[in-house]
């Protein structure tokens, strides 16, 4: 005869089954709680990152020229078999009063320099 009832568990093993079930439920509930906390933190960080502003060091009208220096290609991938190279360089900003300001580790410095020149209508030497 076929029965759809659960198999009978003797009392000494019942506590072991209950412990295993409670541990499983606790792990699932803890995982859901942690994932929701991580999602909330990521959203909050995204809002903060969108509102970050830099401090003005030199106004654009006192910039004499910007030169790309220390140009190199770096492997940004974690794989040696399939490397991904990016051009990294430094911007050296010369001001009208003779100061030099170095902005290190600019990704794709020539294209970004052209973008900045066109955006702010800069005529640099």
N, C-alpha and C. Protein backbone atom coordinates (compact mmCIF):
# COMPACT_ATOMS: atom_id res chain seq x y z
N UNK A 1 0.82 -1.16 0.00
CA UNK A 1 0.00 0.00 0.00
C UNK A 1 0.88 1.24 0.00
N UNK A 2 0.48 2.25 -0.78
CA UNK A 2 1.26 3.47 -0.95
C UNK A 2 0.64 4.58 -0.11
N UNK A 3 1.49 5.28 0.63
CA UNK A 3 1.00 6.34 1.50
C UNK A 3 1.80 7.61 1.25
N UNK A 4 1.14 8.76 1.27
CA UNK A 4 1.81 10.04 1.08
C UNK A 4 2.19 10.69 2.41
N UNK A 5 2.11 9.97 3.47
CA UNK A 5 2.48 10.50 4.77
C UNK A 5 4.00 10.59 4.89
N UNK A 6 4.44 11.51 5.75
CA UNK A 6 5.87 11.61 6.01
C UNK A 6 6.32 10.36 6.76
N UNK A 7 7.54 9.96 6.55
CA UNK A 7 8.01 8.79 7.31
C UNK A 7 8.09 9.11 8.80
N UNK A 8 7.85 8.15 9.57
CA UNK A 8 7.90 8.34 11.01
C UNK A 8 9.33 8.51 11.45
N UNK A 9 9.56 9.54 12.28
CA UNK A 9 10.90 9.79 12.83
C UNK A 9 10.82 9.57 14.32
N UNK A 10 11.72 8.76 14.80
CA UNK A 10 11.71 8.48 16.23
C UNK A 10 12.17 9.72 17.00
N UNK A 11 11.74 9.89 18.22
CA UNK A 11 12.03 11.10 19.01
C UNK A 11 13.50 11.47 19.14
N UNK A 12 14.46 10.59 19.27
CA UNK A 12 15.85 11.05 19.39
C UNK A 12 16.34 11.74 18.11
N UNK A 13 15.87 11.30 16.95
CA UNK A 13 16.32 11.90 15.70
C UNK A 13 15.50 13.13 15.33
N UNK A 14 14.35 13.30 15.95
CA UNK A 14 13.49 14.43 15.64
C UNK A 14 14.18 15.75 15.95
N UNK A 15 14.88 15.82 17.05
CA UNK A 15 15.58 17.05 17.41
C UNK A 15 16.70 17.35 16.42
N UNK A 16 17.37 16.32 15.93
CA UNK A 16 18.43 16.54 14.93
C UNK A 16 17.84 17.08 13.65
N UNK A 17 16.70 16.54 13.22
CA UNK A 17 16.05 17.05 12.01
C UNK A 17 15.60 18.49 12.20
N UNK A 18 15.05 18.79 13.35
CA UNK A 18 14.60 20.15 13.61
C UNK A 18 15.77 21.14 13.62
N UNK A 19 16.88 20.72 14.19
CA UNK A 19 18.07 21.59 14.21
C UNK A 19 18.55 21.86 12.79
N UNK A 20 18.60 20.84 11.96
CA UNK A 20 19.04 21.01 10.58
C UNK A 20 18.09 21.92 9.82
N UNK A 21 16.80 21.75 10.01
CA UNK A 21 15.82 22.60 9.32
C UNK A 21 15.94 24.04 9.80
N UNK A 22 16.08 24.25 11.10
CA UNK A 22 16.22 25.61 11.63
C UNK A 22 17.50 26.28 11.14
N UNK A 23 18.58 25.53 11.05
CA UNK A 23 19.82 26.09 10.52
C UNK A 23 19.63 26.50 9.06
N UNK A 24 18.97 25.67 8.27
CA UNK A 24 18.72 26.00 6.88
C UNK A 24 17.86 27.24 6.72
N UNK A 25 16.80 27.33 7.51
CA UNK A 25 15.92 28.50 7.45
C UNK A 25 16.69 29.74 7.90
N UNK A 26 17.52 29.60 8.90
CA UNK A 26 18.33 30.73 9.37
C UNK A 26 19.31 31.21 8.33
N UNK A 27 19.94 30.28 7.62
CA UNK A 27 20.88 30.66 6.56
C UNK A 27 20.17 31.39 5.43
N UNK A 28 19.02 30.89 5.04
CA UNK A 28 18.27 31.54 3.95
C UNK A 28 17.81 32.93 4.39
N UNK A 29 17.27 33.05 5.59
CA UNK A 29 16.80 34.35 6.07
C UNK A 29 17.97 35.33 6.22
N UNK A 30 19.09 34.85 6.71
CA UNK A 30 20.26 35.71 6.85
C UNK A 30 20.79 36.17 5.51
N UNK A 31 20.77 35.28 4.52
CA UNK A 31 21.23 35.65 3.18
C UNK A 31 20.32 36.71 2.57
N UNK A 32 19.03 36.55 2.70
CA UNK A 32 18.09 37.55 2.17
C UNK A 32 18.30 38.88 2.86
N UNK A 33 18.48 38.88 4.17
CA UNK A 33 18.71 40.12 4.91
C UNK A 33 20.00 40.80 4.46
N UNK A 34 21.07 40.02 4.30
CA UNK A 34 22.36 40.59 3.89
C UNK A 34 22.30 41.15 2.48
N UNK A 35 21.63 40.47 1.59
CA UNK A 35 21.52 40.95 0.20
C UNK A 35 20.74 42.26 0.16
N UNK A 36 19.66 42.35 0.92
CA UNK A 36 18.89 43.60 0.92
C UNK A 36 19.71 44.74 1.51
N UNK A 37 20.50 44.48 2.54
CA UNK A 37 21.37 45.51 3.11
C UNK A 37 22.42 45.96 2.09
N UNK A 38 23.02 45.01 1.36
CA UNK A 38 24.02 45.36 0.36
C UNK A 38 23.42 46.19 -0.77
N UNK A 39 22.22 45.85 -1.19
CA UNK A 39 21.57 46.61 -2.27
C UNK A 39 21.28 48.04 -1.80
N UNK A 40 20.81 48.20 -0.58
CA UNK A 40 20.54 49.54 -0.05
C UNK A 40 21.84 50.34 0.05
N UNK A 41 22.90 49.71 0.51
CA UNK A 41 24.18 50.42 0.63
C UNK A 41 24.72 50.81 -0.74
N UNK A 42 24.57 49.95 -1.73
CA UNK A 42 25.04 50.27 -3.08
C UNK A 42 24.25 51.43 -3.68
N UNK A 43 22.96 51.46 -3.44
CA UNK A 43 22.15 52.58 -3.94
C UNK A 43 22.54 53.88 -3.26
N UNK A 44 22.78 53.82 -1.96
CA UNK A 44 23.18 55.02 -1.23
C UNK A 44 24.52 55.51 -1.72
N UNK A 45 25.47 54.61 -1.93
CA UNK A 45 26.80 54.99 -2.42
C UNK A 45 26.70 55.59 -3.82
N UNK A 46 25.81 55.06 -4.65
CA UNK A 46 25.63 55.58 -5.99
C UNK A 46 25.12 57.01 -5.97
N UNK A 47 24.21 57.30 -5.05
CA UNK A 47 23.71 58.68 -4.93
C UNK A 47 24.80 59.61 -4.44
N UNK A 48 25.64 59.15 -3.50
CA UNK A 48 26.73 59.98 -2.98
C UNK A 48 27.75 60.23 -4.07
N UNK A 49 28.09 59.21 -4.84
CA UNK A 49 29.11 59.35 -5.89
C UNK A 49 28.64 60.30 -6.98
N UNK A 50 27.35 60.39 -7.23
CA UNK A 50 26.85 61.29 -8.25
C UNK A 50 26.92 62.75 -7.82
N UNK A 51 26.99 63.01 -6.53
CA UNK A 51 27.00 64.39 -6.05
C UNK A 51 28.38 64.87 -5.64
N UNK A 52 29.42 64.06 -5.82
CA UNK A 52 30.76 64.48 -5.44
C UNK A 52 31.26 65.59 -6.35
N UNK A 53 31.91 66.55 -5.78
CA UNK A 53 32.51 67.63 -6.54
C UNK A 53 33.94 67.81 -6.08
N UNK A 54 34.77 68.26 -7.00
CA UNK A 54 36.16 68.51 -6.67
C UNK A 54 36.37 69.94 -6.21
N UNK A 55 37.51 70.17 -5.62
CA UNK A 55 37.88 71.49 -5.16
C UNK A 55 38.59 72.22 -6.29
N UNK A 56 38.24 73.45 -6.54
CA UNK A 56 38.87 74.25 -7.59
C UNK A 56 40.26 74.67 -7.12
N UNK A 57 41.27 74.22 -7.85
CA UNK A 57 42.65 74.56 -7.50
C UNK A 57 43.13 75.73 -8.34
N UNK A 58 42.84 75.66 -9.65
CA UNK A 58 43.27 76.71 -10.58
C UNK A 58 42.10 77.01 -11.50
N UNK A 59 41.71 78.28 -11.66
CA UNK A 59 40.66 78.60 -12.62
C UNK A 59 41.17 78.43 -14.05
N UNK A 60 40.24 78.17 -14.98
CA UNK A 60 40.64 77.89 -16.35
C UNK A 60 41.36 79.06 -17.01
N UNK A 61 41.03 80.29 -16.62
CA UNK A 61 41.67 81.41 -17.28
C UNK A 61 43.14 81.59 -16.90
N UNK A 62 43.60 80.93 -15.84
CA UNK A 62 45.01 81.02 -15.47
C UNK A 62 45.83 79.81 -15.94
N UNK A 63 45.21 78.88 -16.67
CA UNK A 63 45.94 77.73 -17.20
C UNK A 63 46.63 78.15 -18.49
N UNK A 64 47.95 77.95 -18.51
CA UNK A 64 48.72 78.32 -19.70
C UNK A 64 48.75 77.18 -20.70
N UNK A 65 49.10 76.00 -20.24
CA UNK A 65 49.15 74.84 -21.11
C UNK A 65 49.00 73.56 -20.30
N UNK A 66 48.57 72.51 -20.98
CA UNK A 66 48.48 71.17 -20.38
C UNK A 66 49.25 70.23 -21.29
N UNK A 67 50.18 69.49 -20.70
CA UNK A 67 51.03 68.57 -21.45
C UNK A 67 50.83 67.17 -20.89
N UNK A 68 50.76 66.19 -21.79
CA UNK A 68 50.67 64.79 -21.38
C UNK A 68 52.08 64.25 -21.21
N UNK A 69 52.38 63.71 -20.04
CA UNK A 69 53.70 63.13 -19.77
C UNK A 69 53.53 61.73 -19.22
N UNK A 70 54.65 61.02 -19.17
CA UNK A 70 54.70 59.68 -18.56
C UNK A 70 53.65 58.76 -19.17
N UNK A 71 53.59 58.77 -20.51
CA UNK A 71 52.61 57.95 -21.23
C UNK A 71 53.03 56.48 -21.20
N UNK A 72 52.10 55.59 -20.87
CA UNK A 72 52.42 54.16 -20.81
C UNK A 72 51.14 53.37 -21.05
N UNK A 73 51.32 52.10 -21.35
CA UNK A 73 50.19 51.18 -21.48
C UNK A 73 50.26 50.20 -20.34
N UNK A 74 49.14 50.04 -19.65
CA UNK A 74 49.08 49.13 -18.52
C UNK A 74 48.02 48.07 -18.76
N UNK A 75 48.30 46.86 -18.29
CA UNK A 75 47.36 45.76 -18.37
C UNK A 75 46.37 45.91 -17.22
N UNK A 76 45.11 46.15 -17.56
CA UNK A 76 44.09 46.34 -16.52
C UNK A 76 43.30 45.07 -16.26
N UNK A 77 43.57 44.02 -17.03
CA UNK A 77 42.88 42.75 -16.82
C UNK A 77 43.65 41.93 -15.79
N UNK A 78 42.97 41.01 -15.17
CA UNK A 78 43.62 40.12 -14.21
C UNK A 78 44.24 38.91 -14.89
N UNK A 79 44.10 38.84 -16.20
CA UNK A 79 44.57 37.67 -16.93
C UNK A 79 45.82 38.02 -17.73
N UNK A 80 46.78 37.13 -17.72
CA UNK A 80 47.97 37.30 -18.53
C UNK A 80 47.71 36.74 -19.93
N UNK A 81 46.81 35.77 -20.04
CA UNK A 81 46.54 35.14 -21.32
C UNK A 81 45.76 36.06 -22.26
N UNK A 82 44.83 36.85 -21.70
CA UNK A 82 44.03 37.78 -22.50
C UNK A 82 44.13 39.18 -21.89
N UNK A 83 45.25 39.86 -22.11
CA UNK A 83 45.42 41.17 -21.48
C UNK A 83 44.56 42.24 -22.14
N UNK A 84 44.19 43.20 -21.35
CA UNK A 84 43.47 44.39 -21.82
C UNK A 84 44.35 45.58 -21.46
N UNK A 85 44.86 46.26 -22.47
CA UNK A 85 45.75 47.37 -22.24
C UNK A 85 45.00 48.69 -22.34
N UNK A 86 45.33 49.62 -21.44
CA UNK A 86 44.80 50.97 -21.48
C UNK A 86 45.97 51.93 -21.45
N UNK A 87 45.79 53.05 -22.13
CA UNK A 87 46.81 54.09 -22.09
C UNK A 87 46.60 54.92 -20.84
N UNK A 88 47.65 55.03 -20.06
CA UNK A 88 47.64 55.80 -18.83
C UNK A 88 48.75 56.84 -18.94
N UNK A 89 48.46 58.03 -18.49
CA UNK A 89 49.47 59.08 -18.52
C UNK A 89 49.19 60.11 -17.44
N UNK A 90 50.08 61.07 -17.35
CA UNK A 90 49.93 62.16 -16.39
C UNK A 90 49.70 63.46 -17.15
N UNK A 91 48.89 64.32 -16.58
CA UNK A 91 48.73 65.66 -17.12
C UNK A 91 49.61 66.59 -16.30
N UNK A 92 50.40 67.39 -16.98
CA UNK A 92 51.19 68.43 -16.31
C UNK A 92 50.58 69.76 -16.71
N UNK A 93 49.99 70.44 -15.76
CA UNK A 93 49.30 71.70 -15.99
C UNK A 93 50.24 72.84 -15.62
N UNK A 94 50.56 73.70 -16.60
CA UNK A 94 51.38 74.88 -16.35
C UNK A 94 50.45 76.08 -16.23
N UNK A 95 50.62 76.84 -15.18
CA UNK A 95 49.77 78.00 -14.98
C UNK A 95 50.49 79.27 -15.43
N UNK A 96 49.74 80.37 -15.51
CA UNK A 96 50.31 81.64 -15.97
C UNK A 96 51.32 82.19 -14.97
N UNK A 97 51.17 81.86 -13.70
CA UNK A 97 52.13 82.36 -12.70
C UNK A 97 53.32 81.44 -12.50
N UNK A 98 53.44 80.39 -13.32
CA UNK A 98 54.64 79.54 -13.30
C UNK A 98 54.52 78.27 -12.47
N UNK A 99 53.39 78.02 -11.85
CA UNK A 99 53.23 76.79 -11.07
C UNK A 99 53.03 75.61 -11.99
N UNK A 100 53.43 74.44 -11.53
CA UNK A 100 53.19 73.18 -12.24
C UNK A 100 52.36 72.28 -11.35
N UNK A 101 51.26 71.78 -11.88
CA UNK A 101 50.39 70.87 -11.15
C UNK A 101 50.33 69.58 -11.94
N UNK A 102 50.62 68.46 -11.29
CA UNK A 102 50.60 67.16 -11.95
C UNK A 102 49.34 66.42 -11.55
N UNK A 103 48.62 65.94 -12.55
CA UNK A 103 47.44 65.10 -12.32
C UNK A 103 47.83 63.70 -12.78
N UNK A 104 48.07 62.77 -11.85
CA UNK A 104 48.58 61.46 -12.23
C UNK A 104 47.48 60.48 -12.65
N UNK A 105 47.89 59.46 -13.37
CA UNK A 105 47.06 58.30 -13.72
C UNK A 105 45.77 58.68 -14.45
N UNK A 106 45.89 59.50 -15.49
CA UNK A 106 44.74 59.86 -16.31
C UNK A 106 44.55 58.77 -17.36
N UNK A 107 43.36 58.20 -17.42
CA UNK A 107 43.05 57.15 -18.39
C UNK A 107 42.78 57.80 -19.74
N UNK A 108 43.46 57.34 -20.79
CA UNK A 108 43.33 57.86 -22.15
C UNK A 108 43.53 59.38 -22.15
N UNK A 109 44.73 59.84 -21.80
CA UNK A 109 44.94 61.27 -21.54
C UNK A 109 44.79 62.18 -22.75
N UNK A 110 45.18 61.74 -23.96
CA UNK A 110 45.08 62.61 -25.13
C UNK A 110 43.63 62.88 -25.50
N UNK A 111 42.79 61.85 -25.52
CA UNK A 111 41.38 62.04 -25.85
C UNK A 111 40.66 62.87 -24.79
N UNK A 112 40.99 62.64 -23.52
CA UNK A 112 40.36 63.43 -22.47
C UNK A 112 40.81 64.88 -22.52
N UNK A 113 42.06 65.11 -22.90
CA UNK A 113 42.54 66.48 -23.04
C UNK A 113 41.82 67.19 -24.18
N UNK A 114 41.63 66.51 -25.29
CA UNK A 114 40.88 67.11 -26.40
C UNK A 114 39.43 67.38 -25.99
N UNK A 115 38.84 66.49 -25.22
CA UNK A 115 37.47 66.69 -24.74
C UNK A 115 37.38 67.92 -23.85
N UNK A 116 38.32 68.07 -22.93
CA UNK A 116 38.31 69.22 -22.02
C UNK A 116 38.50 70.51 -22.80
N UNK A 117 39.39 70.48 -23.80
CA UNK A 117 39.63 71.68 -24.62
C UNK A 117 38.36 72.10 -25.36
N UNK A 118 37.65 71.15 -25.94
CA UNK A 118 36.44 71.49 -26.68
C UNK A 118 35.28 71.88 -25.75
N UNK A 119 35.19 71.22 -24.59
CA UNK A 119 34.09 71.52 -23.67
C UNK A 119 34.19 72.93 -23.11
N UNK A 120 35.41 73.34 -22.73
CA UNK A 120 35.58 74.62 -22.09
C UNK A 120 36.14 75.69 -23.04
N UNK A 121 36.17 75.39 -24.35
CA UNK A 121 36.65 76.32 -25.38
C UNK A 121 38.04 76.88 -25.03
N UNK A 122 38.94 75.98 -24.67
CA UNK A 122 40.29 76.39 -24.27
C UNK A 122 41.19 76.48 -25.50
N UNK A 123 41.99 77.50 -25.52
CA UNK A 123 43.02 77.63 -26.55
C UNK A 123 44.35 77.58 -25.81
N UNK A 124 44.90 76.39 -25.72
CA UNK A 124 46.16 76.19 -24.98
C UNK A 124 47.30 76.05 -25.98
N UNK A 125 48.49 76.41 -25.52
CA UNK A 125 49.66 76.31 -26.39
C UNK A 125 50.11 74.88 -26.54
